[in-house]
Amino acid sequence: MNYYLMFDVGGTKIKAGILTETGELLNNQMNSFDSGANRAKDEIFKNFADISNILIDEINDPLKQIAGIGMAFPGPFDYENGISKMTGLNKYDAIYGLDFKKELMGILKNTKALKCFKPDLAFTFIHDVEAFAMGESHFGTALNCHRVMYLCIGTGAGSSFTESGRVLKKQSDNFPENGWIYKTPFKNSIIDDYISVRGLQTISKRFYSEPTEGIVLYERAIRKEEAALNTFREFGDNLAKAMIPYLKTFGPDCLVLGGQISKSFQFFGSQLEEFCQKYNISVRLTEDTSMSILKGLYVQMQSIKNAPGN
């Protein structure tokens, strides 16, 4: 049976799992590993190789064959050629400009993993939010939607737009190039500085003596602590003002929210929900952002596999 090793690569953690040839997560198990993003080049690639071997060991199939490896990376990244362009971001600086597949396979060929790889082992690299969108549109909450906008709120405001399950990338009057809204001018800066972890922390600093993490704010909001509730309300005001222009121009059937902060939507989402109800836009929250990313990698892998000439 064919299997795929899929990676959701973050600056702090790497979420990884094995998908079967039908797109199911093997043993319904996703693993979390330290990214080692600040390490030297050799250590970074060894970490990916070690994770690959750990995943392969979890496949209890004597005839197992690894048909593909998928990597979802945040930008900047040359996805077509598998080359990281991240520099000065305090993550993966040491692998800037390197051929990821070549470097990783250079290590894996000397490990037990090699005997499991199919001769035509496929590699795919994709933007993490694009993978999220593909996973949600083909397997998740947006499965039956025609036009969808996606927003992942984390270290930044990751966004994507799809129509009939196809990711829209070419800039139009409805959305920016690649569907990335993060650098759109907003208030005194750009959307990314407001609709993100740091945006939430900047607000929290005004209500507390120091920046407060989202999970702590969530726990305090559950206890109805006024400062936490006010922090989320202001964050929600920023979110609505940043998103509504795109919702008006794109006119989606559905808005899908992902990322850790979206789990607190009940405390900051009322303004956005009110607008969406008025325009018949369904607001949906993903259960597991990383799971959708891994599924999206599978969709991408299959589209490459079934492309003319392959």
C-alpha atoms as a PDB file:
ATOM      1  CA  MET A   1       0.000   0.000   0.000  1.00  0.00           C
ATOM      2  CA  ASN A   2       1.137   3.552  -0.702  1.00  0.00           C
ATOM      3  CA  TYR A   3       1.633   6.081   2.094  1.00  0.00           C
ATOM      4  CA  TYR A   4       2.515   9.765   2.246  1.00  0.00           C
ATOM      5  CA  LEU A   5       4.613  11.598   4.825  1.00  0.00           C
ATOM      6  CA  MET A   6       3.055  15.013   5.434  1.00  0.00           C
ATOM      7  CA  PHE A   7       4.533  17.936   7.358  1.00  0.00           C
ATOM      8  CA  ASP A   8       2.966  21.151   8.654  1.00  0.00           C
ATOM      9  CA  VAL A   9       6.145  23.134   9.258  1.00  0.00           C
ATOM     10  CA  GLY A  10       6.044  25.960  11.775  1.00  0.00           C
ATOM     11  CA  GLY A  11       8.701  28.099  13.359  1.00  0.00           C
ATOM     12  CA  THR A  12       8.300  26.419  16.767  1.00  0.00           C
ATOM     13  CA  LYS A  13       6.669  23.065  16.060  1.00  0.00           C
ATOM     14  CA  ILE A  14       6.406  20.637  13.165  1.00  0.00           C
ATOM     15  CA  LYS A  15       3.132  18.700  13.019  1.00  0.00           C
ATOM     16  CA  ALA A  16       3.494  15.536  10.974  1.00  0.00           C
ATOM     17  CA  GLY A  17       1.468  12.486  10.055  1.00  0.00           C
ATOM     18  CA  ILE A  18       1.081   9.617   7.603  1.00  0.00           C
ATOM     19  CA  LEU A  19      -1.744   9.714   5.067  1.00  0.00           C
ATOM     20  CA  THR A  20      -2.936   6.622   3.267  1.00  0.00           C
ATOM     21  CA  GLU A  21      -3.553   6.439  -0.468  1.00  0.00           C
ATOM     22  CA  THR A  22      -7.215   7.331   0.222  1.00  0.00           C
ATOM     23  CA  GLY A  23      -6.298  10.453   2.197  1.00  0.00           C
ATOM     24  CA  GLU A  24      -6.963   9.072   5.680  1.00  0.00           C
ATOM     25  CA  LEU A  25      -4.670   9.896   8.596  1.00  0.00           C
ATOM     26  CA  LEU A  26      -3.067   6.599   9.623  1.00  0.00           C
ATOM     27  CA  ASN A  27      -4.129   5.523  13.114  1.00  0.00           C
ATOM     28  CA  ASN A  28      -5.820   8.938  13.378  1.00  0.00           C
ATOM     29  CA  GLN A  29      -2.505  10.097  14.813  1.00  0.00           C
ATOM     30  CA  MET A  30      -0.656  13.344  14.255  1.00  0.00           C
ATOM     31  CA  ASN A  31       2.707  13.908  15.907  1.00  0.00           C
ATOM     32  CA  SER A  32       4.248  17.150  17.160  1.00  0.00           C
ATOM     33  CA  PHE A  33       8.000  17.776  17.122  1.00  0.00           C
ATOM     34  CA  ASP A  34      10.285  20.674  17.968  1.00  0.00           C
ATOM     35  CA  SER A  35      11.172  22.459  14.751  1.00  0.00           C
ATOM     36  CA  GLY A  36      14.774  23.282  15.637  1.00  0.00           C
ATOM     37  CA  ALA A  37      14.310  26.247  13.305  1.00  0.00           C
ATOM     38  CA  ASN A  38      17.168  28.200  14.878  1.00  0.00           C
ATOM     39  CA  ARG A  39      19.738  25.432  14.502  1.00  0.00           C
ATOM     40  CA  ALA A  40      22.513  24.984  11.962  1.00  0.00           C
ATOM     41  CA  LYS A  41      21.746  23.672   8.476  1.00  0.00           C
ATOM     42  CA  ASP A  42      22.808  20.065   9.086  1.00  0.00           C
ATOM     43  CA  GLU A  43      20.809  19.867  12.305  1.00  0.00           C
ATOM     44  CA  ILE A  44      17.665  21.206  10.649  1.00  0.00           C
ATOM     45  CA  PHE A  45      17.749  18.652   7.853  1.00  0.00           C
ATOM     46  CA  LYS A  46      18.687  15.837  10.249  1.00  0.00           C
ATOM     47  CA  ASN A  47      15.624  16.739  12.311  1.00  0.00           C
ATOM     48  CA  PHE A  48      13.385  16.344   9.250  1.00  0.00           C
ATOM     49  CA  ALA A  49      15.090  13.041   8.421  1.00  0.00           C
ATOM     50  CA  ASP A  50      14.643  11.769  11.986  1.00  0.00           C
ATOM     51  CA  ILE A  51      10.955  12.709  11.918  1.00  0.00           C
ATOM     52  CA  SER A  52      10.559  10.909   8.587  1.00  0.00           C
ATOM     53  CA  ASN A  53      12.002   7.723  10.041  1.00  0.00           C
ATOM     54  CA  ILE A  54       9.809   7.988  13.139  1.00  0.00           C
ATOM     55  CA  LEU A  55       6.740   8.257  10.926  1.00  0.00           C
ATOM     56  CA  ILE A  56       7.788   5.320   8.766  1.00  0.00           C
ATOM     57  CA  ASP A  57       8.276   3.172  11.870  1.00  0.00           C
ATOM     58  CA  GLU A  58       4.633   3.797  12.779  1.00  0.00           C
ATOM     59  CA  ILE A  59       3.414   2.086   9.595  1.00  0.00           C
ATOM     60  CA  ASN A  60       2.636  -1.519  10.537  1.00  0.00           C
ATOM     61  CA  ASP A  61       2.650  -2.832   6.989  1.00  0.00           C
ATOM     62  CA  PRO A  62       5.450  -5.116   5.738  1.00  0.00           C
ATOM     63  CA  LEU A  63       4.700  -4.036   2.157  1.00  0.00           C
ATOM     64  CA  LYS A  64       4.606  -0.309   2.909  1.00  0.00           C
ATOM     65  CA  GLN A  65       5.806   2.048   0.220  1.00  0.00           C
ATOM     66  CA  ILE A  66       6.301   5.771   0.661  1.00  0.00           C
ATOM     67  CA  ALA A  67       4.903   7.379  -2.477  1.00  0.00           C
ATOM     68  CA  GLY A  68       5.353  11.006  -1.536  1.00  0.00           C
ATOM     69  CA  ILE A  69       6.539  13.612   0.945  1.00  0.00           C
ATOM     70  CA  GLY A  70       4.596  16.840   1.354  1.00  0.00           C
ATOM     71  CA  MET A  71       5.799  19.996   3.098  1.00  0.00           C
ATOM     72  CA  ALA A  72       3.604  22.966   4.029  1.00  0.00           C
ATOM     73  CA  PHE A  73       5.786  25.996   4.813  1.00  0.00           C
ATOM     74  CA  PRO A  74       4.998  29.591   5.688  1.00  0.00           C
ATOM     75  CA  GLY A  75       6.465  32.149   3.314  1.00  0.00           C
ATOM     76  CA  PRO A  76       8.629  33.423   1.920  1.00  0.00           C
ATOM     77  CA  PHE A  77       9.387  30.168   0.106  1.00  0.00           C
ATOM     78  CA  ASP A  78       9.977  29.144  -3.504  1.00  0.00           C
ATOM     79  CA  TYR A  79       7.325  26.426  -3.541  1.00  0.00           C
ATOM     80  CA  GLU A  80       7.847  25.381  -7.144  1.00  0.00           C
ATOM     81  CA  ASN A  81      11.531  24.588  -6.595  1.00  0.00           C
ATOM     82  CA  GLY A  82      11.452  23.688  -2.899  1.00  0.00           C
ATOM     83  CA  ILE A  83      13.778  26.454  -1.710  1.00  0.00           C
ATOM     84  CA  SER A  84      13.333  28.416   1.510  1.00  0.00           C
ATOM     85  CA  LYS A  85      13.581  32.182   1.192  1.00  0.00           C
ATOM     86  CA  MET A  86      13.202  32.868   4.903  1.00  0.00           C
ATOM     87  CA  THR A  87      15.884  35.123   6.320  1.00  0.00           C
ATOM     88  CA  GLY A  88      16.008  37.501   9.245  1.00  0.00           C
ATOM     89  CA  LEU A  89      12.852  35.925  10.709  1.00  0.00           C
ATOM     90  CA  ASN A  90      14.639  33.962  13.441  1.00  0.00           C
ATOM     91  CA  LYS A  91      13.577  30.684  11.814  1.00  0.00           C
ATOM     92  CA  TYR A  92      15.201  28.496   9.162  1.00  0.00           C
ATOM     93  CA  ASP A  93      17.797  31.155   8.328  1.00  0.00           C
ATOM     94  CA  ALA A  94      20.444  28.422   8.005  1.00  0.00           C
ATOM     95  CA  ILE A  95      18.693  26.730   5.065  1.00  0.00           C
ATOM     96  CA  TYR A  96      18.084  29.891   3.044  1.00  0.00           C
ATOM     97  CA  GLY A  97      18.525  29.284  -0.696  1.00  0.00           C
ATOM     98  CA  LEU A  98      19.084  25.534  -0.371  1.00  0.00           C
ATOM     99  CA  ASP A  99      17.376  22.778  -2.378  1.00  0.00           C
ATOM    100  CA  PHE A 100      15.266  21.216   0.383  1.00  0.00           C
ATOM    101  CA  LYS A 101      14.595  17.908  -1.383  1.00  0.00           C
ATOM    102  CA  LYS A 102      18.253  17.419  -2.331  1.00  0.00           C
ATOM    103  CA  GLU A 103      19.492  18.152   1.190  1.00  0.00           C
ATOM    104  CA  LEU A 104      16.907  15.954   2.906  1.00  0.00           C
ATOM    105  CA  MET A 105      17.318  13.012   0.545  1.00  0.00           C
ATOM    106  CA  GLY A 106      21.073  13.273   0.965  1.00  0.00           C
ATOM    107  CA  ILE A 107      20.535  12.282   4.596  1.00  0.00           C
ATOM    108  CA  LEU A 108      17.623   9.865   4.137  1.00  0.00           C
ATOM    109  CA  LYS A 109      19.462   7.779   1.543  1.00  0.00           C
ATOM    110  CA  ASN A 110      21.792   6.650   4.324  1.00  0.00           C
ATOM    111  CA  THR A 111      18.968   5.577   6.641  1.00  0.00           C
ATOM    112  CA  LYS A 112      16.548   2.656   6.816  1.00  0.00           C
ATOM    113  CA  ALA A 113      13.890   4.850   5.199  1.00  0.00           C
ATOM    114  CA  LEU A 114      15.449   4.424   1.766  1.00  0.00           C
ATOM    115  CA  LYS A 115      14.179   0.882   1.259  1.00  0.00           C
ATOM    116  CA  CYS A 116      10.583   2.096   1.722  1.00  0.00           C
ATOM    117  CA  PHE A 117      10.716   4.862  -0.886  1.00  0.00           C
ATOM    118  CA  LYS A 118       9.145   4.253  -4.273  1.00  0.00           C
ATOM    119  CA  PRO A 119      11.513   4.932  -7.196  1.00  0.00           C
ATOM    120  CA  ASP A 120       9.257   7.763  -8.342  1.00  0.00           C
ATOM    121  CA  LEU A 121       8.952   9.296  -4.856  1.00  0.00           C
ATOM    122  CA  ALA A 122       7.049  12.573  -5.243  1.00  0.00           C
ATOM    123  CA  PHE A 123       7.775  15.799  -3.379  1.00  0.00           C
ATOM    124  CA  THR A 124       5.445  18.754  -3.028  1.00  0.00           C
ATOM    125  CA  PHE A 125       5.874  22.100  -1.295  1.00  0.00           C
ATOM    126  CA  ILE A 126       2.967  24.438  -0.658  1.00  0.00           C
ATOM    127  CA  HIS A 127       2.109  27.520   1.364  1.00  0.00           C
ATOM    128  CA  ASP A 128       0.605  26.425   4.677  1.00  0.00           C
ATOM    129  CA  VAL A 129      -2.606  28.457   4.363  1.00  0.00           C
ATOM    130  CA  GLU A 130      -3.094  27.301   0.769  1.00  0.00           C
ATOM    131  CA  ALA A 131      -2.807  23.728   2.033  1.00  0.00           C
ATOM    132  CA  PHE A 132      -5.318  24.573   4.772  1.00  0.00           C
ATOM    133  CA  ALA A 133      -7.744  25.897   2.160  1.00  0.00           C
ATOM    134  CA  MET A 134      -7.369  22.800  -0.022  1.00  0.00           C
ATOM    135  CA  GLY A 135      -7.869  20.493   2.928  1.00  0.00           C
ATOM    136  CA  GLU A 136     -10.980  22.331   4.099  1.00  0.00           C
ATOM    137  CA  SER A 137     -12.490  22.557   0.608  1.00  0.00           C
ATOM    138  CA  HIS A 138     -12.001  18.860  -0.179  1.00  0.00           C
ATOM    139  CA  PHE A 139     -12.376  17.204   3.234  1.00  0.00           C
ATOM    140  CA  GLY A 140     -13.489  19.776   5.807  1.00  0.00           C
ATOM    141  CA  THR A 141     -16.005  22.450   6.691  1.00  0.00           C
ATOM    142  CA  ALA A 142     -16.014  24.037   3.214  1.00  0.00           C
ATOM    143  CA  LEU A 143     -16.684  20.787   1.364  1.00  0.00           C
ATOM    144  CA  ASN A 144     -20.029  21.905  -0.077  1.00  0.00           C
ATOM    145  CA  CYS A 145     -19.227  25.588  -0.562  1.00  0.00           C
ATOM    146  CA  HIS A 146     -18.640  27.261  -3.930  1.00  0.00           C
ATOM    147  CA  ARG A 147     -16.740  30.444  -3.030  1.00  0.00           C
ATOM    148  CA  VAL A 148     -14.799  30.489   0.226  1.00  0.00           C
ATOM    149  CA  MET A 149     -12.484  32.843   2.073  1.00  0.00           C
ATOM    150  CA  TYR A 150     -10.082  31.357   4.614  1.00  0.00           C
ATOM    151  CA  LEU A 151      -8.272  33.086   7.453  1.00  0.00           C
ATOM    152  CA  CYS A 152      -5.753  31.480   9.794  1.00  0.00           C
ATOM    153  CA  ILE A 153      -4.956  33.715  12.765  1.00  0.00           C
ATOM    154  CA  GLY A 154      -1.578  32.878  14.283  1.00  0.00           C
ATOM    155  CA  THR A 155       1.825  34.516  14.062  1.00  0.00           C
ATOM    156  CA  GLY A 156       0.230  36.446  11.203  1.00  0.00           C
ATOM    157  CA  ALA A 157      -2.971  36.739   9.204  1.00  0.00           C
ATOM    158  CA  GLY A 158      -2.749  33.888   6.704  1.00  0.00           C
ATOM    159  CA  SER A 159      -5.433  33.956   4.026  1.00  0.00           C
ATOM    160  CA  SER A 160      -6.612  32.179   0.913  1.00  0.00           C
ATOM    161  CA  PHE A 161      -9.597  32.185  -1.459  1.00  0.00           C
ATOM    162  CA  THR A 162     -11.111  29.262  -3.346  1.00  0.00           C
ATOM    163  CA  GLU A 163     -13.782  28.744  -5.983  1.00  0.00           C
ATOM    164  CA  SER A 164     -15.133  25.235  -6.597  1.00  0.00           C
ATOM    165  CA  GLY A 165     -12.229  23.836  -4.570  1.00  0.00           C
ATOM    166  CA  ARG A 166      -9.604  25.623  -6.665  1.00  0.00           C
ATOM    167  CA  VAL A 167      -7.248  28.068  -4.980  1.00  0.00           C
ATOM    168  CA  LEU A 168      -7.382  31.518  -6.574  1.00  0.00           C
ATOM    169  CA  LYS A 169      -3.990  33.202  -6.871  1.00  0.00           C
ATOM    170  CA  LYS A 170      -4.110  35.755  -9.655  1.00  0.00           C
ATOM    171  CA  GLN A 171      -4.720  39.237  -8.307  1.00  0.00           C
ATOM    172  CA  SER A 172      -8.129  40.695  -9.068  1.00  0.00           C
ATOM    173  CA  ASP A 173     -10.438  43.410  -7.826  1.00  0.00           C
ATOM    174  CA  ASN A 174     -11.732  40.914  -5.269  1.00  0.00           C
ATOM    175  CA  PHE A 175      -8.481  39.920  -3.577  1.00  0.00           C
ATOM    176  CA  PRO A 176      -4.703  40.543  -3.704  1.00  0.00           C
ATOM    177  CA  GLU A 177      -2.079  38.377  -5.394  1.00  0.00           C
ATOM    178  CA  ASN A 178      -1.955  34.814  -4.035  1.00  0.00           C
ATOM    179  CA  GLY A 179      -4.973  35.677  -1.882  1.00  0.00           C
ATOM    180  CA  TRP A 180      -2.662  37.114   0.781  1.00  0.00           C
ATOM    181  CA  ILE A 181      -4.242  39.994   2.679  1.00  0.00           C
ATOM    182  CA  TYR A 182      -1.611  40.233   5.424  1.00  0.00           C
ATOM    183  CA  LYS A 183       0.258  43.215   3.981  1.00  0.00           C
ATOM    184  CA  THR A 184      -2.833  45.281   3.200  1.00  0.00           C
ATOM    185  CA  PRO A 185      -2.553  48.724   4.831  1.00  0.00           C
ATOM    186  CA  PHE A 186      -4.657  48.854   7.985  1.00  0.00           C
ATOM    187  CA  LYS A 187      -4.869  51.573  10.636  1.00  0.00           C
ATOM    188  CA  ASN A 188      -1.282  52.616  11.431  1.00  0.00           C
ATOM    189  CA  SER A 189       0.413  49.634   9.792  1.00  0.00           C
ATOM    190  CA  ILE A 190      -0.772  46.477   7.977  1.00  0.00           C
ATOM    191  CA  ILE A 191      -3.375  43.812   8.725  1.00  0.00           C
ATOM    192  CA  ASP A 192      -0.697  41.355   9.889  1.00  0.00           C
ATOM    193  CA  ASP A 193       0.214  43.580  12.842  1.00  0.00           C
ATOM    194  CA  TYR A 194      -3.362  43.615  14.120  1.00  0.00           C
ATOM    195  CA  ILE A 195      -4.897  40.256  13.200  1.00  0.00           C
ATOM    196  CA  SER A 196      -2.273  38.033  14.771  1.00  0.00           C
ATOM    197  CA  VAL A 197      -0.841  36.828  18.075  1.00  0.00           C
ATOM    198  CA  ARG A 198       1.145  40.024  18.460  1.00  0.00           C
ATOM    199  CA  GLY A 199      -1.918  42.092  17.615  1.00  0.00           C
ATOM    200  CA  LEU A 200      -3.843  40.426  20.429  1.00  0.00           C
ATOM    201  CA  GLN A 201      -0.911  40.841  22.805  1.00  0.00           C
ATOM    202  CA  THR A 202      -0.567  44.534  21.949  1.00  0.00           C
ATOM    203  CA  ILE A 203      -4.173  45.077  22.998  1.00  0.00           C
ATOM    204  CA  SER A 204      -3.798  42.959  26.135  1.00  0.00           C
ATOM    205  CA  LYS A 205      -0.839  45.062  27.257  1.00  0.00           C
ATOM    206  CA  ARG A 206      -3.182  48.028  27.667  1.00  0.00           C
ATOM    207  CA  PHE A 207      -5.466  46.055  29.981  1.00  0.00           C
ATOM    208  CA  TYR A 208      -2.763  44.186  31.885  1.00  0.00           C
ATOM    209  CA  SER A 209       0.713  45.096  33.061  1.00  0.00           C
ATOM    210  CA  GLU A 210       2.307  42.988  30.305  1.00  0.00           C
ATOM    211  CA  PRO A 211       1.412  41.227  27.027  1.00  0.00           C
ATOM    212  CA  THR A 212      -0.786  38.215  27.733  1.00  0.00           C
ATOM    213  CA  GLU A 213      -0.903  34.999  25.712  1.00  0.00           C
ATOM    214  CA  GLY A 214      -4.087  33.989  23.934  1.00  0.00           C
ATOM    215  CA  ILE A 215      -4.632  30.819  25.970  1.00  0.00           C
ATOM    216  CA  VAL A 216      -4.394  32.805  29.211  1.00  0.00           C
ATOM    217  CA  LEU A 217      -6.830  35.396  27.876  1.00  0.00           C
ATOM    218  CA  TYR A 218      -9.185  32.604  26.857  1.00  0.00           C
ATOM    219  CA  GLU A 219      -9.120  31.075  30.351  1.00  0.00           C
ATOM    220  CA  ARG A 220      -9.741  34.485  31.913  1.00  0.00           C
ATOM    221  CA  ALA A 221     -12.560  35.227  29.488  1.00  0.00           C
ATOM    222  CA  ILE A 222     -14.187  31.921  30.435  1.00  0.00           C
ATOM    223  CA  ARG A 223     -14.155  33.245  34.022  1.00  0.00           C
ATOM    224  CA  LYS A 224     -15.740  36.484  32.696  1.00  0.00           C
ATOM    225  CA  GLU A 225     -12.744  38.620  33.647  1.00  0.00           C
ATOM    226  CA  GLU A 226     -13.554  42.056  32.243  1.00  0.00           C
ATOM    227  CA  ALA A 227     -10.041  42.939  31.059  1.00  0.00           C
ATOM    228  CA  ALA A 228      -9.830  39.737  29.007  1.00  0.00           C
ATOM    229  CA  LEU A 229     -13.301  40.260  27.554  1.00  0.00           C
ATOM    230  CA  ASN A 230     -12.411  43.851  26.603  1.00  0.00           C
ATOM    231  CA  THR A 231      -9.177  42.660  24.975  1.00  0.00           C
ATOM    232  CA  PHE A 232     -11.091  40.200  22.798  1.00  0.00           C
ATOM    233  CA  ARG A 233     -13.784  42.776  21.973  1.00  0.00           C
ATOM    234  CA  GLU A 234     -11.199  45.220  20.635  1.00  0.00           C
ATOM    235  CA  PHE A 235      -9.477  42.428  18.721  1.00  0.00           C
ATOM    236  CA  GLY A 236     -12.846  41.491  17.227  1.00  0.00           C
ATOM    237  CA  ASP A 237     -13.452  45.089  16.197  1.00  0.00           C
ATOM    238  CA  ASN A 238     -10.136  45.094  14.325  1.00  0.00           C
ATOM    239  CA  LEU A 239     -10.933  41.723  12.760  1.00  0.00           C
ATOM    240  CA  ALA A 240     -14.301  42.876  11.448  1.00  0.00           C
ATOM    241  CA  LYS A 241     -12.907  46.120  10.025  1.00  0.00           C
ATOM    242  CA  ALA A 242     -10.047  44.243   8.316  1.00  0.00           C
ATOM    243  CA  MET A 243     -12.180  41.440   6.864  1.00  0.00           C
ATOM    244  CA  ILE A 244     -15.399  43.140   5.776  1.00  0.00           C
ATOM    245  CA  PRO A 245     -13.914  44.884   2.693  1.00  0.00           C
ATOM    246  CA  TYR A 246     -12.798  41.492   1.315  1.00  0.00           C
ATOM    247  CA  LEU A 247     -16.060  39.793   2.204  1.00  0.00           C
ATOM    248  CA  LYS A 248     -17.941  42.530   0.350  1.00  0.00           C
ATOM    249  CA  THR A 249     -15.842  42.372  -2.804  1.00  0.00           C
ATOM    250  CA  PHE A 250     -15.316  38.598  -2.978  1.00  0.00           C
ATOM    251  CA  GLY A 251     -18.812  37.647  -1.856  1.00  0.00           C
ATOM    252  CA  PRO A 252     -18.084  34.155  -0.480  1.00  0.00           C
ATOM    253  CA  ASP A 253     -20.694  31.596   0.517  1.00  0.00           C
ATOM    254  CA  CYS A 254     -18.540  30.676   3.453  1.00  0.00           C
ATOM    255  CA  LEU A 255     -15.796  32.071   5.704  1.00  0.00           C
ATOM    256  CA  VAL A 256     -13.551  29.473   7.344  1.00  0.00           C
ATOM    257  CA  LEU A 257     -11.394  30.430  10.326  1.00  0.00           C
ATOM    258  CA  GLY A 258      -8.400  28.460  11.545  1.00  0.00           C
ATOM    259  CA  GLY A 259      -5.387  28.940  13.782  1.00  0.00           C
ATOM    260  CA  GLN A 260      -5.138  28.764  17.546  1.00  0.00           C
ATOM    261  CA  ILE A 261      -6.714  32.170  18.210  1.00  0.00           C
ATOM    262  CA  SER A 262      -9.872  31.182  16.320  1.00  0.00           C
ATOM    263  CA  LYS A 263     -10.691  28.829  19.217  1.00  0.00           C
ATOM    264  CA  SER A 264     -11.602  31.982  21.181  1.00  0.00           C
ATOM    265  CA  PHE A 265     -14.016  33.148  18.454  1.00  0.00           C
ATOM    266  CA  GLN A 266     -16.939  33.179  20.888  1.00  0.00           C
ATOM    267  CA  PHE A 267     -15.313  36.152  22.625  1.00  0.00           C
ATOM    268  CA  PHE A 268     -14.359  38.276  19.605  1.00  0.00           C
ATOM    269  CA  GLY A 269     -16.450  37.162  16.646  1.00  0.00           C
ATOM    270  CA  SER A 270     -19.827  38.853  17.218  1.00  0.00           C
ATOM    271  CA  GLN A 271     -19.286  41.849  14.895  1.00  0.00           C
ATOM    272  CA  LEU A 272     -17.961  39.674  12.092  1.00  0.00           C
ATOM    273  CA  GLU A 273     -20.784  37.171  12.554  1.00  0.00           C
ATOM    274  CA  GLU A 274     -23.390  39.916  12.473  1.00  0.00           C
ATOM    275  CA  PHE A 275     -22.063  41.163   9.121  1.00  0.00           C
ATOM    276  CA  CYS A 276     -21.877  37.640   7.686  1.00  0.00           C
ATOM    277  CA  GLN A 277     -25.445  36.852   8.724  1.00  0.00           C
ATOM    278  CA  LYS A 278     -26.630  40.004   6.950  1.00  0.00           C
ATOM    279  CA  TYR A 279     -24.929  38.906   3.711  1.00  0.00           C
ATOM    280  CA  ASN A 280     -25.736  35.176   4.031  1.00  0.00           C
ATOM    281  CA  ILE A 281     -22.111  34.155   4.568  1.00  0.00           C
ATOM    282  CA  SER A 282     -21.718  31.028   6.661  1.00  0.00           C
ATOM    283  CA  VAL A 283     -18.971  31.332   9.308  1.00  0.00           C
ATOM    284  CA  ARG A 284     -17.264  28.031  10.096  1.00  0.00           C
ATOM    285  CA  LEU A 285     -14.452  27.142  12.485  1.00  0.00           C
ATOM    286  CA  THR A 286     -12.085  24.317  11.663  1.00  0.00           C
ATOM    287  CA  GLU A 287     -11.603  21.612  14.252  1.00  0.00           C
ATOM    288  CA  ASP A 288      -7.902  21.113  13.591  1.00  0.00           C
ATOM    289  CA  THR A 289      -5.893  23.480  11.404  1.00  0.00           C
ATOM    290  CA  SER A 290      -2.895  21.160  11.064  1.00  0.00           C
ATOM    291  CA  MET A 291      -5.107  18.231  10.103  1.00  0.00           C
ATOM    292  CA  SER A 292      -6.571  20.303   7.270  1.00  0.00           C
ATOM    293  CA  ILE A 293      -3.062  21.288   6.168  1.00  0.00           C
ATOM    294  CA  LEU A 294      -1.987  17.635   5.956  1.00  0.00           C
ATOM    295  CA  LYS A 295      -5.151  16.812   3.988  1.00  0.00           C
ATOM    296  CA  GLY A 296      -4.460  19.737   1.666  1.00  0.00           C
ATOM    297  CA  LEU A 297      -0.977  18.393   0.995  1.00  0.00           C
ATOM    298  CA  TYR A 298      -2.603  15.120   0.001  1.00  0.00           C
ATOM    299  CA  VAL A 299      -4.923  16.938  -2.423  1.00  0.00           C
ATOM    300  CA  GLN A 300      -1.933  18.699  -3.948  1.00  0.00           C
ATOM    301  CA  MET A 301       0.002  15.428  -4.192  1.00  0.00           C
ATOM    302  CA  GLN A 302      -2.857  13.744  -6.003  1.00  0.00           C
ATOM    303  CA  SER A 303      -3.276  16.635  -8.450  1.00  0.00           C
ATOM    304  CA  ILE A 304       0.410  16.371  -9.359  1.00  0.00           C
ATOM    305  CA  LYS A 305       0.160  12.593  -9.672  1.00  0.00           C
ATOM    306  CA  ASN A 306      -2.877  12.846 -11.974  1.00  0.00           C
ATOM    307  CA  ALA A 307      -1.605  15.764 -14.057  1.00  0.00           C
ATOM    308  CA  PRO A 308      -1.167  15.157 -17.809  1.00  0.00           C
ATOM    309  CA  GLY A 309       2.246  13.663 -18.531  1.00  0.00           C
ATOM    310  CA  ASN A 310       2.574  11.906 -15.166  1.00  0.00           C
END
